[in-house]
Structures are given as C-alpha cells and as structure tokens.
Protein backbone atom coordinates (compact mmCIF):
# COMPACT_ATOMS: atom_id res chain seq x y z
CA MET A 1 0.00 0.00 0.00
CA ASN A 2 1.12 3.55 -0.67
CA SER A 3 2.98 4.90 2.37
CA LYS A 4 3.44 8.44 1.05
CA ASN A 5 1.34 11.04 2.85
CA PRO A 6 -0.77 12.96 0.27
CA LEU A 7 -1.00 15.90 2.67
CA ASP A 8 2.71 16.53 2.14
CA SER A 9 1.76 18.03 -1.23
CA VAL A 10 -0.48 20.68 0.39
CA TYR A 11 0.38 23.93 2.14
CA PHE A 12 -1.95 26.45 3.80
CA ILE A 13 -2.02 30.16 3.09
CA LYS A 14 -4.01 33.14 4.31
CA MET A 15 -5.75 34.76 1.36
CA PRO A 16 -5.83 38.55 0.81
CA GLU A 17 -9.27 40.12 1.20
CA GLU A 18 -9.50 41.01 -2.50
CA PHE A 19 -8.90 37.39 -3.64
CA LYS A 20 -11.76 35.83 -5.67
CA LEU A 21 -12.09 32.07 -5.61
CA SER A 22 -14.38 31.93 -8.64
CA VAL A 23 -16.67 34.00 -10.79
CA HIS A 24 -19.37 33.36 -8.19
CA ASP A 25 -19.68 35.79 -5.31
CA ILE A 26 -18.27 33.42 -2.69
CA HIS A 27 -17.54 34.77 0.75
CA LEU A 28 -14.08 33.87 2.03
CA ASP A 29 -13.36 33.91 5.72
CA PRO A 30 -10.04 35.77 5.99
CA GLN A 31 -9.31 34.05 9.31
CA ILE A 32 -9.29 30.56 7.82
CA MET A 33 -6.28 29.56 5.76
CA LEU A 34 -6.96 27.72 2.51
CA PRO A 35 -5.14 24.56 1.43
CA VAL A 36 -3.20 24.86 -1.81
CA GLN A 37 -1.91 21.98 -3.92
CA LYS A 38 1.76 22.42 -4.67
CA LYS A 39 2.91 22.58 -8.26
CA GLU A 40 5.61 20.11 -9.25
CA THR A 41 7.75 23.09 -10.20
CA ASP A 42 7.33 24.86 -6.85
CA ALA A 43 10.64 25.34 -5.06
CA PRO A 44 10.64 25.34 -1.24
CA GLY A 45 10.10 28.86 0.11
CA ASN A 46 9.57 30.30 -3.35
CA PHE A 47 5.78 30.81 -3.42
CA ASN A 48 4.41 33.53 -5.70
CA MET A 49 0.85 34.67 -4.91
CA GLN A 50 0.52 36.10 -8.42
CA GLU A 51 0.88 32.60 -9.91
CA LEU A 52 -1.71 31.01 -7.62
CA SER A 53 -4.60 29.43 -9.55
CA GLN A 54 -8.11 28.55 -8.50
CA GLU A 55 -7.45 24.93 -9.49
CA GLN A 56 -4.59 24.71 -6.99
CA ILE A 57 -6.93 25.78 -4.19
CA LEU A 58 -9.73 23.43 -5.23
CA ALA A 59 -7.25 20.55 -5.59
CA GLY A 60 -5.86 21.39 -2.15
CA ILE A 61 -9.35 21.38 -0.65
CA LEU A 62 -10.10 17.96 -2.17
CA THR A 63 -6.86 16.55 -0.78
CA VAL A 64 -7.72 17.80 2.70
CA LEU A 65 -11.27 16.44 2.43
CA ALA A 66 -9.87 13.07 1.38
CA TYR A 67 -7.07 12.63 3.90
CA ASP A 68 -7.45 15.07 6.81
CA ARG A 69 -10.73 14.01 8.41
CA GLN A 70 -9.81 15.71 11.70
CA ASN A 71 -9.38 19.16 10.14
CA PRO A 72 -11.63 21.62 12.06
CA ASN A 73 -12.54 23.52 8.87
CA LEU A 74 -13.94 20.66 6.80
CA ASP A 75 -17.50 22.03 6.66
CA TYR A 76 -16.17 25.38 5.47
CA TYR A 77 -14.07 23.72 2.77
CA ARG A 78 -17.04 21.61 1.63
CA THR A 79 -19.14 24.75 1.28
CA LEU A 80 -16.45 26.51 -0.74
CA MET A 81 -16.02 23.52 -3.02
CA THR A 82 -19.71 23.05 -3.80
CA GLU A 83 -20.25 26.78 -4.32
CA ALA A 84 -17.24 27.14 -6.61
CA ARG A 85 -18.02 23.90 -8.53
CA PRO A 86 -21.75 23.07 -8.19
CA GLY A 87 -21.38 19.90 -10.28
CA ILE A 88 -18.31 18.60 -8.47
CA LYS A 89 -19.96 15.47 -7.00
CA LYS A 90 -20.99 14.23 -10.42
CA GLU A 91 -17.58 15.09 -11.88
CA LEU A 92 -15.76 13.19 -9.17
CA ALA A 93 -18.06 10.16 -9.36
CA GLU A 94 -17.67 9.87 -13.14
CA ALA A 95 -13.89 10.26 -12.92
CA ALA A 96 -13.62 7.70 -10.12
CA ILE A 97 -15.71 5.14 -12.01
CA LEU A 98 -13.63 5.63 -15.16
CA LYS A 99 -10.32 5.24 -13.31
CA THR A 100 -11.64 2.16 -11.53
CA ARG A 101 -12.66 0.56 -14.81
CA ASN A 102 -9.19 1.28 -16.17
CA GLU A 103 -7.69 -0.22 -12.98
CA ASP A 104 -5.81 2.98 -12.27
CA TRP A 105 -6.15 2.05 -8.62
CA ASP A 106 -4.15 4.75 -6.88
CA LEU A 107 -5.70 7.68 -8.73
CA ALA A 108 -9.17 6.15 -8.45
CA GLU A 109 -8.67 5.80 -4.70
CA GLU A 110 -7.69 9.46 -4.39
CA ILE A 111 -10.84 10.51 -6.22
CA TRP A 112 -13.13 8.20 -4.24
CA MET A 113 -11.61 9.43 -0.98
CA ALA A 114 -12.15 13.04 -2.04
CA LEU A 115 -15.76 12.34 -2.98
CA HIS A 116 -16.37 10.61 0.34
CA GLY A 117 -14.77 13.50 2.19
CA LEU A 118 -17.01 15.91 0.30
CA SER A 119 -20.19 13.93 1.12
CA PRO A 120 -19.42 11.69 4.10
CA GLU A 121 -23.11 11.11 4.89
CA ASP A 122 -24.00 9.95 1.38
CA LYS A 123 -24.46 6.20 1.80
CA ALA A 124 -24.46 5.63 -1.97
CA VAL A 125 -20.90 6.99 -2.00
CA VAL A 126 -20.05 4.74 0.97
CA LEU A 127 -21.30 1.69 -0.94
CA ASN A 128 -19.24 2.69 -3.98
CA MET A 129 -16.20 2.98 -1.70
CA ALA A 130 -16.84 -0.58 -0.50
CA LEU A 131 -17.14 -1.88 -4.05
CA PHE A 132 -13.97 -0.04 -5.07
CA PHE A 133 -11.80 -1.47 -2.28
CA ASP A 134 -13.35 -4.91 -2.87
CA GLN A 135 -12.24 -4.75 -6.53
CA LYS A 136 -8.84 -3.35 -5.63
CA ALA A 137 -8.27 -6.21 -3.19
CA ASP A 138 -9.12 -8.76 -5.88
CA SER A 139 -6.71 -7.13 -8.31
CA TYR A 140 -3.88 -7.07 -5.79
CA ARG A 141 -4.50 -10.70 -4.83
CA LYS A 142 -4.27 -11.72 -8.49
CA SER A 143 -0.85 -10.05 -8.50
CA SER A 144 0.13 -12.11 -5.43
CA LEU A 145 0.21 -8.97 -3.25
CA ASN A 146 -1.70 -10.84 -0.58
CA GLU A 147 -0.94 -8.64 2.43
CA ASP A 148 -2.08 -5.52 0.59
CA ALA A 149 -5.14 -7.40 -0.69
CA ASP A 150 -6.08 -8.42 2.85
CA ALA A 151 -5.74 -4.80 4.01
CA TYR A 152 -7.99 -3.56 1.20
CA ASP A 153 -10.51 -6.29 2.03
CA ASP A 154 -10.59 -5.04 5.62
CA THR A 155 -11.21 -1.51 4.35
CA ALA A 156 -13.95 -2.73 2.03
CA LEU A 157 -15.65 -4.57 4.89
CA ASN A 158 -15.74 -1.42 7.01
CA TYR A 159 -17.44 0.48 4.18
CA TYR A 160 -19.89 -2.39 3.55
CA LYS A 161 -20.88 -2.35 7.23
CA ASP A 162 -21.34 1.41 7.09
CA ALA A 163 -23.48 1.13 3.95
CA MET A 164 -25.63 -1.61 5.50
CA ASP A 165 -26.17 0.62 8.52
CA SER A 166 -27.95 3.19 6.34
CA ASP A 167 -31.36 4.55 7.27
CA PRO A 168 -33.34 3.93 5.14
CA GLU A 169 -31.68 0.68 4.16
CA ILE A 170 -29.98 0.29 0.77
CA PRO A 171 -30.85 -3.17 -0.60
CA ASP A 172 -27.81 -3.24 -2.92
CA ALA A 173 -25.53 -2.77 0.09
CA PHE A 174 -26.68 -6.15 1.40
CA PHE A 175 -26.57 -7.78 -2.04
CA ASN A 176 -22.97 -6.72 -2.72
CA ALA A 177 -21.84 -7.39 0.84
CA GLY A 178 -23.24 -10.90 0.43
CA PHE A 179 -20.83 -11.59 -2.41
CA PHE A 180 -17.99 -10.06 -0.42
CA TYR A 181 -18.66 -12.48 2.44
CA LEU A 182 -19.03 -15.29 -0.09
CA LYS A 183 -15.55 -14.47 -1.43
CA LYS A 184 -14.20 -14.63 2.12
CA ARG A 185 -16.00 -17.96 2.67
CA LEU A 186 -18.02 -16.43 5.51
CA TYR A 187 -21.11 -18.30 4.42
CA ALA A 188 -23.34 -17.54 7.41
CA ASP A 189 -22.73 -13.81 6.97
CA ALA A 190 -23.28 -14.09 3.23
CA LYS A 191 -26.58 -15.90 3.72
CA GLY A 192 -27.72 -13.27 6.21
CA CYS A 193 -26.97 -10.47 3.73
CA PHE A 194 -28.86 -12.16 0.90
CA GLU A 195 -31.81 -12.85 3.18
CA SER A 196 -31.84 -9.18 4.15
CA TYR A 197 -31.76 -8.21 0.48
CA LEU A 198 -34.76 -10.42 -0.24
CA ALA A 199 -36.65 -9.03 2.75
CA LEU A 200 -35.99 -5.45 1.66
CA THR A 201 -37.19 -6.12 -1.89
CA SER A 202 -40.04 -8.52 -1.08
CA ASP A 203 -42.79 -5.94 -1.55
CA ALA A 204 -41.48 -4.70 -4.91
CA LYS A 205 -43.15 -6.02 -8.03
CA ASP A 206 -41.07 -7.35 -10.93
CA GLU A 207 -41.85 -4.33 -13.10
CA GLU A 208 -40.63 -2.03 -10.32
CA LEU A 209 -37.38 -3.95 -9.95
CA GLY A 210 -36.68 -4.23 -13.66
CA ASP A 211 -34.73 -7.05 -15.29
CA ASN A 212 -31.62 -6.40 -13.22
CA GLY A 213 -33.54 -6.34 -9.96
CA VAL A 214 -35.37 -9.56 -10.79
CA TYR A 215 -32.03 -11.19 -11.62
CA LYS A 216 -30.57 -10.06 -8.30
CA ARG A 217 -33.51 -11.45 -6.38
CA GLU A 218 -33.23 -14.80 -8.14
CA ARG A 219 -29.46 -14.86 -7.68
CA ALA A 220 -29.77 -14.08 -3.97
CA GLN A 221 -32.23 -16.95 -3.49
CA GLU A 222 -29.98 -19.28 -5.48
CA VAL A 223 -26.99 -18.53 -3.24
CA ILE A 224 -29.07 -18.94 -0.08
CA ASP A 225 -30.28 -22.35 -1.29
CA LYS A 226 -26.74 -23.51 -2.11
CA ILE A 227 -25.38 -22.41 1.26
CA SER A 228 -28.24 -24.20 3.04
CA ASN A 229 -28.19 -27.36 0.93
CA ARG A 230 -24.42 -27.73 1.30
CA ASN A 231 -24.46 -26.91 5.00
CA LEU A 232 -21.78 -24.26 4.42
CA GLU A 233 -22.92 -22.29 7.46
CA ASN A 234 -21.38 -25.05 9.55
CA ASP A 235 -18.71 -23.65 11.87
CA ARG A 236 -16.45 -26.60 11.10
CA PHE A 237 -16.20 -25.61 7.43
CA HIS A 238 -15.30 -22.01 8.28
CA ASN A 239 -12.81 -23.10 10.94
CA ALA A 240 -11.13 -25.43 8.46
CA TYR A 241 -10.69 -22.62 5.97
CA GLU A 242 -9.31 -20.23 8.59
CA LEU A 243 -6.83 -22.83 9.84
CA ILE A 244 -5.55 -23.74 6.38
CA ALA A 245 -5.32 -20.12 5.27
CA GLY A 246 -3.49 -19.31 8.51
CA GLY A 247 -0.80 -21.94 7.93
CA GLN A 248 -2.21 -24.60 10.28
CA GLU A 249 -2.91 -27.05 7.49
CA GLU A 250 -2.91 -30.25 9.53
CA LYS A 251 -5.52 -28.92 11.97
CA GLY A 252 -7.55 -27.53 9.08
CA LEU A 253 -7.47 -30.87 7.27
CA GLU A 254 -8.71 -32.59 10.40
CA GLU A 255 -11.67 -30.20 10.56
CA ILE A 256 -12.60 -30.45 6.89
CA ARG A 257 -12.43 -34.26 6.97
CA LYS A 258 -14.97 -34.24 9.81
CA PHE A 259 -17.17 -31.94 7.75
CA ILE A 260 -16.89 -34.21 4.69
CA ARG A 261 -17.84 -37.21 6.81
CA ASP A 262 -21.26 -35.60 7.36
CA ASN A 263 -21.45 -33.76 4.02
CA PRO A 264 -19.78 -36.00 1.40
CA ALA A 265 -21.42 -34.37 -1.64
CA VAL A 266 -20.21 -30.79 -1.06
CA TRP A 267 -17.65 -29.88 -3.71
CA ASN A 268 -16.43 -26.86 -1.74
CA ALA A 269 -15.34 -29.17 1.06
CA TRP A 270 -13.38 -31.46 -1.26
CA PHE A 271 -11.79 -28.38 -2.79
CA LEU A 272 -10.75 -27.16 0.66
CA LEU A 273 -9.31 -30.59 1.43
CA GLY A 274 -7.34 -30.53 -1.81
CA TRP A 275 -6.12 -27.01 -1.17
CA GLY A 276 -4.77 -27.94 2.25
CA LEU A 277 -3.07 -31.06 0.90
CA ARG A 278 -1.56 -29.13 -2.00
CA ARG A 279 -0.13 -26.54 0.41
CA LEU A 280 1.57 -29.45 2.21
CA GLU A 281 2.91 -30.65 -1.17
CA ARG A 282 0.96 -33.89 -0.92
CA PHE A 283 0.15 -33.59 -4.59
CA GLU A 284 -1.18 -37.08 -5.30
CA ASP A 285 -3.65 -36.89 -2.41
CA ALA A 286 -4.59 -33.33 -3.33
CA LYS A 287 -5.21 -34.36 -6.93
CA GLN A 288 -7.65 -37.03 -5.80
CA ALA A 289 -9.49 -34.48 -3.64
CA PHE A 290 -9.84 -32.03 -6.53
CA GLU A 291 -11.06 -34.81 -8.81
CA LYS A 292 -13.64 -35.70 -6.15
CA ALA A 293 -14.70 -32.04 -6.02
CA ARG A 294 -15.34 -32.14 -9.78
CA GLU A 295 -17.61 -35.15 -9.35
CA CYS A 296 -19.89 -33.22 -6.99
CA GLU A 297 -22.68 -30.92 -8.14
CA GLY A 298 -21.27 -27.48 -9.02
CA GLY A 299 -17.63 -28.56 -8.79
CA ASP A 300 -17.24 -29.38 -12.46
CA GLU A 301 -17.74 -25.71 -13.41
CA SER A 302 -15.11 -24.24 -11.10
CA ALA A 303 -12.08 -22.71 -12.81
CA ASP A 304 -10.28 -22.64 -9.46
CA THR A 305 -10.72 -26.39 -9.02
CA LEU A 306 -9.34 -27.07 -12.49
CA ASN A 307 -6.41 -24.74 -11.89
CA GLU A 308 -5.53 -26.42 -8.59
CA LEU A 309 -5.92 -29.84 -10.20
CA ALA A 310 -3.51 -28.79 -12.97
CA ILE A 311 -0.89 -27.72 -10.42
CA CYS A 312 -1.03 -31.17 -8.84
CA GLN A 313 -0.92 -32.89 -12.24
CA MET A 314 2.19 -30.93 -13.17
CA GLU A 315 3.85 -31.98 -9.93
CA THR A 316 2.96 -35.66 -10.48
CA GLY A 317 4.27 -35.56 -14.05
CA GLU A 318 0.90 -35.75 -15.81
CA LEU A 319 1.63 -32.88 -18.17
CA ASP A 320 -0.93 -33.72 -20.87
CA GLU A 321 -3.65 -33.95 -18.24
CA ALA A 322 -2.48 -30.66 -16.73
CA GLN A 323 -2.78 -28.98 -20.10
CA ASP A 324 -6.32 -30.28 -20.52
CA SER A 325 -7.25 -29.00 -17.06
CA LEU A 326 -5.78 -25.54 -17.71
CA ASN A 327 -7.49 -25.28 -21.09
CA GLN A 328 -10.83 -26.07 -19.45
CA ALA A 329 -10.12 -23.58 -16.68
CA LEU A 330 -9.36 -20.84 -19.22
CA ALA A 331 -12.61 -21.61 -21.01
CA TYR A 332 -14.43 -20.71 -17.78
CA ASP A 333 -12.23 -17.74 -16.85
CA PRO A 334 -10.16 -16.49 -19.85
CA ASP A 335 -8.57 -13.50 -18.05
CA ASN A 336 -7.54 -15.31 -14.87
CA THR A 337 -3.85 -14.45 -14.53
CA LYS A 338 -3.16 -17.35 -12.15
CA ILE A 339 -4.33 -19.83 -14.77
CA ILE A 340 -2.37 -18.10 -17.54
CA SER A 341 0.75 -18.09 -15.35
CA ASN A 342 0.35 -21.80 -14.80
CA MET A 343 0.15 -22.26 -18.56
CA GLY A 344 3.54 -20.55 -18.63
CA TYR A 345 4.92 -22.92 -15.98
CA LEU A 346 3.56 -25.89 -17.91
CA CYS A 347 5.36 -24.69 -21.04
CA LEU A 348 8.59 -24.44 -19.06
CA LYS A 349 8.16 -28.04 -17.93
CA LEU A 350 7.59 -29.01 -21.57
CA GLY A 351 10.77 -27.15 -22.57
CA ASP A 352 8.95 -24.51 -24.64
CA GLU A 353 10.47 -21.30 -23.25
CA GLU A 354 9.21 -19.12 -26.09
CA GLN A 355 5.59 -20.09 -25.49
CA ALA A 356 6.10 -19.70 -21.75
CA ARG A 357 7.39 -16.17 -22.35
CA LYS A 358 4.22 -15.36 -24.32
CA PHE A 359 1.99 -16.54 -21.48
CA PHE A 360 3.86 -14.49 -18.88
CA MET A 361 3.73 -11.46 -21.16
CA THR A 362 -0.03 -11.96 -21.51
CA VAL A 363 -0.32 -11.92 -17.72
CA LEU A 364 1.46 -8.56 -17.61
CA GLU A 365 -0.78 -7.18 -20.34
CA ILE A 366 -3.79 -8.01 -18.16
CA ASP A 367 -2.12 -7.04 -14.88
CA PRO A 368 1.12 -5.00 -15.22
CA GLY A 369 1.73 -5.34 -11.48
CA ASP A 370 1.87 -9.15 -11.43
CA LYS A 371 5.04 -10.01 -9.49
CA ILE A 372 5.22 -13.68 -10.48
CA ALA A 373 5.12 -13.03 -14.23
CA LYS A 374 7.76 -10.31 -13.90
CA ILE A 375 10.11 -12.63 -12.03
CA GLU A 376 9.68 -15.45 -14.53
CA LEU A 377 10.28 -13.16 -17.50
CA GLN A 378 13.43 -11.82 -15.82
CA LYS A 379 14.65 -15.39 -15.38
CA LEU A 380 13.99 -16.16 -19.03
CA GLU A 381 15.77 -12.99 -20.18
CA ALA A 382 18.78 -13.83 -17.99
CA GLU A 383 19.08 -17.20 -19.69
CA VAL A 384 19.20 -15.75 -23.23
C-alpha cells in the first residue's frame, strides 16, 4: 500500500481580502487559511501569490477532504467547493468510475476518498467505496500482493458495514456485501446479507425492480439455497478454511475431513481438502481431492478447481492432463492471470520457453503489477 502522505503536497495560506475564488460571489473567511496543492515546479520557500490558480486551491481542498478528516474547517471547505463547482460530485463520481474501470487504482482511490470527504453522509458513496476497495483487493490478490489485498478487504468490509447501517436501508448494500462475504468464505454472513436483500425487496413487483432487480432477487435466493443445501454455514467448514489459510494445514485438514464425513457431496469441502493437501505438497492426495470435487454438483464448473488440479498434475508428471485441465479452466475464466501463469509454468516443464514467455507477457498485459510473471520473465531474459 502507498505509504506516502498525500497531505505533504499541500500547504496552507491566508488569502488577501480582494482574492476571488471563482466567478461566483463566494464569501471567504479571511481568518481561515486555505489549502493549496503544490505545483511540481514549486521550489521550497519560493511561493508567488501572483501565480496562484483557482485549481490549486480546489485541488488542495479535495486533498484535505480526502485525507485530513480531523481538520476543524472541513465544513467550510465543503461549502467553498460546492459553491465554486456546483457539479463537483458528479464530476468526481464519473472520474472515479472511469479510473476504476481502467484499474488505475491509486488515482481512483484518491478521487473516491475526495468524494467521500465531500459527502461523508451519502451512503451511496459509501457503498461505492466498498465496491472499489473490494475490486482493488481482488486485483492485488491476483498479483500475489496478498498482504495488501487483505488490508484492502478489511477496508472494504468497514465500508460495507457502514453502507448496511444506512437509514433507510440500501438493498444493494446487502446484495454486494453478500458476495464479499461469499468471497471470504463467511457463508453464514453471506446468507444473512442475501436474506436481508430479499426481505428489503419482497414488496417490490417485478416491473418495479426491472430485469436487473429480478435477476438479483433470483441470484440471492440461489446462493441462499446452495449455502443451506451444502451446510456451508457449519462452523467446522469455516474453521477449516481459517486454519488452512493461517498456515495450520494439519488442523484444518482434520476439521474439513470431519465436515466431509457428514457432508460427502459438497464440492467446496473437497476443494478445501485438496487445497490444504496441495499446500503441504501432498500432490497425489490433493489431486484425488480435486477430482472428487469435480464429481460433486457445481464442482465441475469451477475454474479454481481445475487450476488447482492442474498444479497437482504438473507436480505428479501428468503434463498432458495438466494442459487439458488448464485449457478447461481458461474456457471458464479467460482472463484469470493465475491460470495463464500456470500455462507458462507448464510450457517451461515441456521445454517450450518461447511459449512460456508469451503466457507471462499476456499476464502482464492483463495485470502490469503481477510479481510472479515479472520474475519469470526476468529469469527467461537472464538465460538468453
């Protein structure tokens, strides 16, 4: 995560009485200093009031709103900003969405933080903040930046909780939080969110919800049914995941085996068993667990299961089978950089360095920050 303090780029000045912030007749309090965004060309101690622009002040205000939540003049700065730029909320929201779509994570975060600082009580903005950090966490995890990803997940969760605490309630806050909990394998929490979503939308007719709303309602019910039918709310399943993810694989495997004993047809459980065994480098046993997961309902459509199975097959020398598994996985999830990286590793095992290089380069085209692909390409270049 970025350790640089954005407030280091801002300085505060007392404005002369004749200064005009905009063409609007905006009253400036001469006793309150205004934040000014430094220019890249500004030399220390060489400030020229004659060169000061309105944009520097507005940019400075946005930086303070984003990162200095204890500033005693925030309300004053918010008033100045909205009076000088009446359409600023829409501008910021559109810019933040665009940067998020382009995965320009750092700049998008700055804009979202500024928008939230400008309208901290707007729960729609809070929900968008949750969705943003949720997406950023996923992107960082794909790049194997797991500690940063975990931190962004924690931030996303705080915003989801804030959005769900809205009055009146925002149904989409519960719907999206449900998928966040699902990603974290917190199935009881996920089920609770989807049940809340259904309760909040139960009185709405299909024509009021529209096609997207009807889809969400059906999807929420589908997830609830799967969690219930597979007994995924069971504490033993969650404990097993936490233990394996926390490096206590043997204890986690003991827990998940007990769960499987009572729930033998749950593919998620066999996947978790395989994952723990694979982490212990028990590849033959892990392979059998992943194959069992694929035999269960829902498990044969999981790209993650196929990817994990391929890793085990590569380690046990079944390279043709690994290639088949990775090809199937890519058919389900064509832009999954983990799968594409494993295609690169498979090519290395097959002695095809040129094709391996192409796969690792494809990973970097999708995710320029991917550490694994960078390292492998550096190794290949060093061997030339």
